[in-house]
Amino acid sequence: MRTIVDLPEEQLQALARVCRQEKISRAEAVRRAVAGWVAAASPPPSAEVGFGLWRHKKLKARQHVDGLRAEWERS
């Protein structure tokens, strides 16, 4: 999709410098900037997936961790 974006002169000059350094088009620089902003603004999926994971388990998380640690204890 095409869009029109108005940038202040300072940002336009800075963008031009980055594009020359990276050897990319202005459009590619804007795509990368938007992708980075969207990624930073989105919650990490692991937070949603892991929340409440132990809710229905008979074994409590602390008991599980203690059991794992006990496997590594020396006799």
N, C-alpha and C. Protein backbone atom coordinates (compact mmCIF):
# COMPACT_ATOMS: atom_id res chain seq x y z
N MET A 1 0.84 -1.17 0.00
CA MET A 1 0.00 0.00 0.00
C MET A 1 0.89 1.24 0.00
N ARG A 2 0.48 2.22 -0.68
CA ARG A 2 1.22 3.49 -0.68
C ARG A 2 0.57 4.42 0.32
N THR A 3 1.41 5.24 0.92
CA THR A 3 0.90 6.24 1.86
C THR A 3 1.77 7.48 1.77
N ILE A 4 1.23 8.59 2.21
CA ILE A 4 1.96 9.84 2.22
C ILE A 4 2.26 10.20 3.67
N VAL A 5 3.52 10.51 3.94
CA VAL A 5 3.94 10.87 5.29
C VAL A 5 4.67 12.20 5.23
N ASP A 6 4.27 13.14 6.06
CA ASP A 6 4.96 14.42 6.15
C ASP A 6 6.00 14.33 7.27
N LEU A 7 7.26 14.63 6.94
CA LEU A 7 8.34 14.61 7.92
C LEU A 7 8.96 15.99 8.02
N PRO A 8 9.35 16.39 9.23
CA PRO A 8 10.10 17.64 9.36
C PRO A 8 11.44 17.51 8.65
N GLU A 9 12.00 18.62 8.24
CA GLU A 9 13.26 18.63 7.48
C GLU A 9 14.38 17.89 8.20
N GLU A 10 14.48 18.04 9.53
CA GLU A 10 15.54 17.36 10.29
C GLU A 10 15.41 15.85 10.17
N GLN A 11 14.19 15.35 10.29
CA GLN A 11 13.99 13.90 10.19
C GLN A 11 14.26 13.41 8.77
N LEU A 12 13.89 14.19 7.79
CA LEU A 12 14.13 13.82 6.41
C LEU A 12 15.62 13.74 6.12
N GLN A 13 16.40 14.68 6.62
CA GLN A 13 17.84 14.65 6.44
C GLN A 13 18.47 13.46 7.16
N ALA A 14 18.02 13.21 8.38
CA ALA A 14 18.54 12.06 9.14
C ALA A 14 18.19 10.76 8.42
N LEU A 15 17.00 10.67 7.90
CA LEU A 15 16.58 9.48 7.16
C LEU A 15 17.44 9.29 5.91
N ALA A 16 17.73 10.36 5.22
CA ALA A 16 18.57 10.28 4.02
C ALA A 16 19.97 9.79 4.38
N ARG A 17 20.52 10.24 5.51
CA ARG A 17 21.84 9.78 5.94
C ARG A 17 21.84 8.27 6.22
N VAL A 18 20.82 7.83 6.93
CA VAL A 18 20.72 6.40 7.26
C VAL A 18 20.56 5.58 5.98
N CYS A 19 19.75 6.05 5.07
CA CYS A 19 19.54 5.31 3.81
C CYS A 19 20.84 5.19 3.03
N ARG A 20 21.64 6.24 3.00
CA ARG A 20 22.93 6.17 2.31
C ARG A 20 23.86 5.18 3.01
N GLN A 21 23.90 5.26 4.34
CA GLN A 21 24.76 4.34 5.11
C GLN A 21 24.39 2.89 4.88
N GLU A 22 23.11 2.60 4.96
CA GLU A 22 22.61 1.23 4.85
C GLU A 22 22.45 0.78 3.41
N LYS A 23 22.55 1.73 2.47
CA LYS A 23 22.34 1.45 1.04
C LYS A 23 20.96 0.85 0.81
N ILE A 24 19.95 1.51 1.36
CA ILE A 24 18.56 1.09 1.20
C ILE A 24 17.73 2.27 0.73
N SER A 25 16.57 1.97 0.20
CA SER A 25 15.67 3.03 -0.25
C SER A 25 14.97 3.65 0.96
N ARG A 26 14.41 4.82 0.74
CA ARG A 26 13.64 5.48 1.79
C ARG A 26 12.44 4.62 2.18
N ALA A 27 11.81 3.99 1.20
CA ALA A 27 10.66 3.13 1.48
C ALA A 27 11.05 1.96 2.37
N GLU A 28 12.21 1.36 2.09
CA GLU A 28 12.68 0.24 2.91
C GLU A 28 12.98 0.69 4.33
N ALA A 29 13.56 1.86 4.46
CA ALA A 29 13.85 2.40 5.80
C ALA A 29 12.56 2.62 6.59
N VAL A 30 11.55 3.13 5.93
CA VAL A 30 10.26 3.37 6.60
C VAL A 30 9.62 2.03 6.97
N ARG A 31 9.69 1.04 6.07
CA ARG A 31 9.14 -0.29 6.39
C ARG A 31 9.82 -0.89 7.61
N ARG A 32 11.16 -0.78 7.66
CA ARG A 32 11.89 -1.30 8.81
C ARG A 32 11.53 -0.56 10.09
N ALA A 33 11.38 0.74 10.00
CA ALA A 33 11.01 1.53 11.18
C ALA A 33 9.64 1.14 11.70
N VAL A 34 8.69 0.97 10.79
CA VAL A 34 7.34 0.57 11.20
C VAL A 34 7.36 -0.83 11.80
N ALA A 35 8.09 -1.75 11.18
CA ALA A 35 8.17 -3.12 11.71
C ALA A 35 8.77 -3.12 13.11
N GLY A 36 9.81 -2.32 13.33
CA GLY A 36 10.43 -2.24 14.65
C GLY A 36 9.50 -1.65 15.68
N TRP A 37 8.76 -0.63 15.29
CA TRP A 37 7.83 0.01 16.22
C TRP A 37 6.69 -0.95 16.58
N VAL A 38 6.17 -1.66 15.60
CA VAL A 38 5.08 -2.61 15.85
C VAL A 38 5.57 -3.73 16.77
N ALA A 39 6.76 -4.23 16.53
CA ALA A 39 7.31 -5.31 17.37
C ALA A 39 7.51 -4.82 18.80
N ALA A 40 7.99 -3.59 18.96
CA ALA A 40 8.22 -3.05 20.30
C ALA A 40 6.91 -2.77 21.03
N ALA A 41 5.88 -2.44 20.29
CA ALA A 41 4.60 -2.09 20.90
C ALA A 41 3.74 -3.31 21.21
N SER A 42 4.10 -4.47 20.65
CA SER A 42 3.32 -5.69 20.86
C SER A 42 3.81 -6.42 22.10
N PRO A 43 2.88 -6.99 22.87
CA PRO A 43 3.33 -7.76 24.04
C PRO A 43 4.01 -9.04 23.58
N PRO A 44 4.99 -9.50 24.34
CA PRO A 44 5.65 -10.75 23.93
C PRO A 44 4.68 -11.91 24.02
N PRO A 45 4.66 -12.78 23.02
CA PRO A 45 3.70 -13.89 23.03
C PRO A 45 3.92 -14.84 24.20
N SER A 46 5.15 -14.97 24.69
CA SER A 46 5.40 -15.90 25.78
C SER A 46 4.68 -15.47 27.06
N ALA A 47 4.47 -14.17 27.24
CA ALA A 47 3.76 -13.70 28.43
C ALA A 47 2.31 -14.19 28.41
N GLU A 48 1.70 -14.18 27.23
CA GLU A 48 0.32 -14.63 27.12
C GLU A 48 0.22 -16.14 27.22
N VAL A 49 1.16 -16.84 26.62
CA VAL A 49 1.11 -18.30 26.59
C VAL A 49 1.40 -18.89 27.97
N GLY A 50 2.39 -18.33 28.68
CA GLY A 50 2.82 -18.91 29.94
C GLY A 50 1.99 -18.52 31.14
N PHE A 51 1.20 -17.45 31.04
CA PHE A 51 0.44 -16.99 32.20
C PHE A 51 -0.59 -18.04 32.61
N GLY A 52 -0.55 -18.43 33.87
CA GLY A 52 -1.51 -19.40 34.41
C GLY A 52 -1.23 -20.83 34.01
N LEU A 53 -0.03 -21.12 33.57
CA LEU A 53 0.31 -22.45 33.07
C LEU A 53 0.13 -23.54 34.13
N TRP A 54 0.42 -23.22 35.39
CA TRP A 54 0.36 -24.22 36.47
C TRP A 54 -0.99 -24.23 37.19
N ARG A 55 -1.93 -23.47 36.73
CA ARG A 55 -3.21 -23.31 37.42
C ARG A 55 -3.91 -24.65 37.69
N HIS A 56 -3.91 -25.56 36.74
CA HIS A 56 -4.67 -26.81 36.88
C HIS A 56 -3.78 -28.02 37.20
N LYS A 57 -2.54 -27.78 37.54
CA LYS A 57 -1.62 -28.87 37.85
C LYS A 57 -1.80 -29.28 39.31
N LYS A 58 -1.68 -30.58 39.57
CA LYS A 58 -1.73 -31.06 40.95
C LYS A 58 -0.44 -30.71 41.67
N LEU A 59 0.68 -30.76 40.94
CA LEU A 59 1.98 -30.43 41.49
C LEU A 59 2.18 -28.92 41.38
N LYS A 60 2.51 -28.29 42.47
CA LYS A 60 2.75 -26.85 42.46
C LYS A 60 4.12 -26.56 41.85
N ALA A 61 4.27 -25.39 41.30
CA ALA A 61 5.50 -25.01 40.62
C ALA A 61 6.71 -25.15 41.55
N ARG A 62 6.56 -24.71 42.79
CA ARG A 62 7.69 -24.78 43.72
C ARG A 62 8.10 -26.23 43.98
N GLN A 63 7.13 -27.11 44.12
CA GLN A 63 7.42 -28.53 44.33
C GLN A 63 8.14 -29.11 43.11
N HIS A 64 7.73 -28.70 41.93
CA HIS A 64 8.36 -29.17 40.71
C HIS A 64 9.82 -28.73 40.64
N VAL A 65 10.08 -27.46 40.95
CA VAL A 65 11.45 -26.94 40.94
C VAL A 65 12.30 -27.67 41.97
N ASP A 66 11.77 -27.87 43.15
CA ASP A 66 12.51 -28.59 44.19
C ASP A 66 12.84 -30.01 43.73
N GLY A 67 11.90 -30.67 43.05
CA GLY A 67 12.13 -32.01 42.53
C GLY A 67 13.24 -32.03 41.49
N LEU A 68 13.24 -31.05 40.61
CA LEU A 68 14.30 -30.97 39.59
C LEU A 68 15.66 -30.73 40.24
N ARG A 69 15.69 -29.88 41.23
CA ARG A 69 16.95 -29.61 41.92
C ARG A 69 17.45 -30.84 42.65
N ALA A 70 16.53 -31.62 43.21
CA ALA A 70 16.91 -32.83 43.95
C ALA A 70 17.57 -33.85 43.01
N GLU A 71 17.17 -33.86 41.74
CA GLU A 71 17.79 -34.78 40.79
C GLU A 71 19.27 -34.50 40.62
N TRP A 72 19.68 -33.29 40.86
CA TRP A 72 21.08 -32.88 40.63
C TRP A 72 21.92 -32.90 41.89
N GLU A 73 21.32 -33.20 43.01
CA GLU A 73 22.09 -33.26 44.25
C GLU A 73 22.98 -34.47 44.27
N ARG A 74 24.16 -34.29 44.81
CA ARG A 74 25.10 -35.40 44.91
C ARG A 74 24.82 -36.21 46.16
N SER A 75 25.05 -37.51 46.09
CA SER A 75 24.81 -38.40 47.22
C SER A 75 25.90 -38.30 48.23
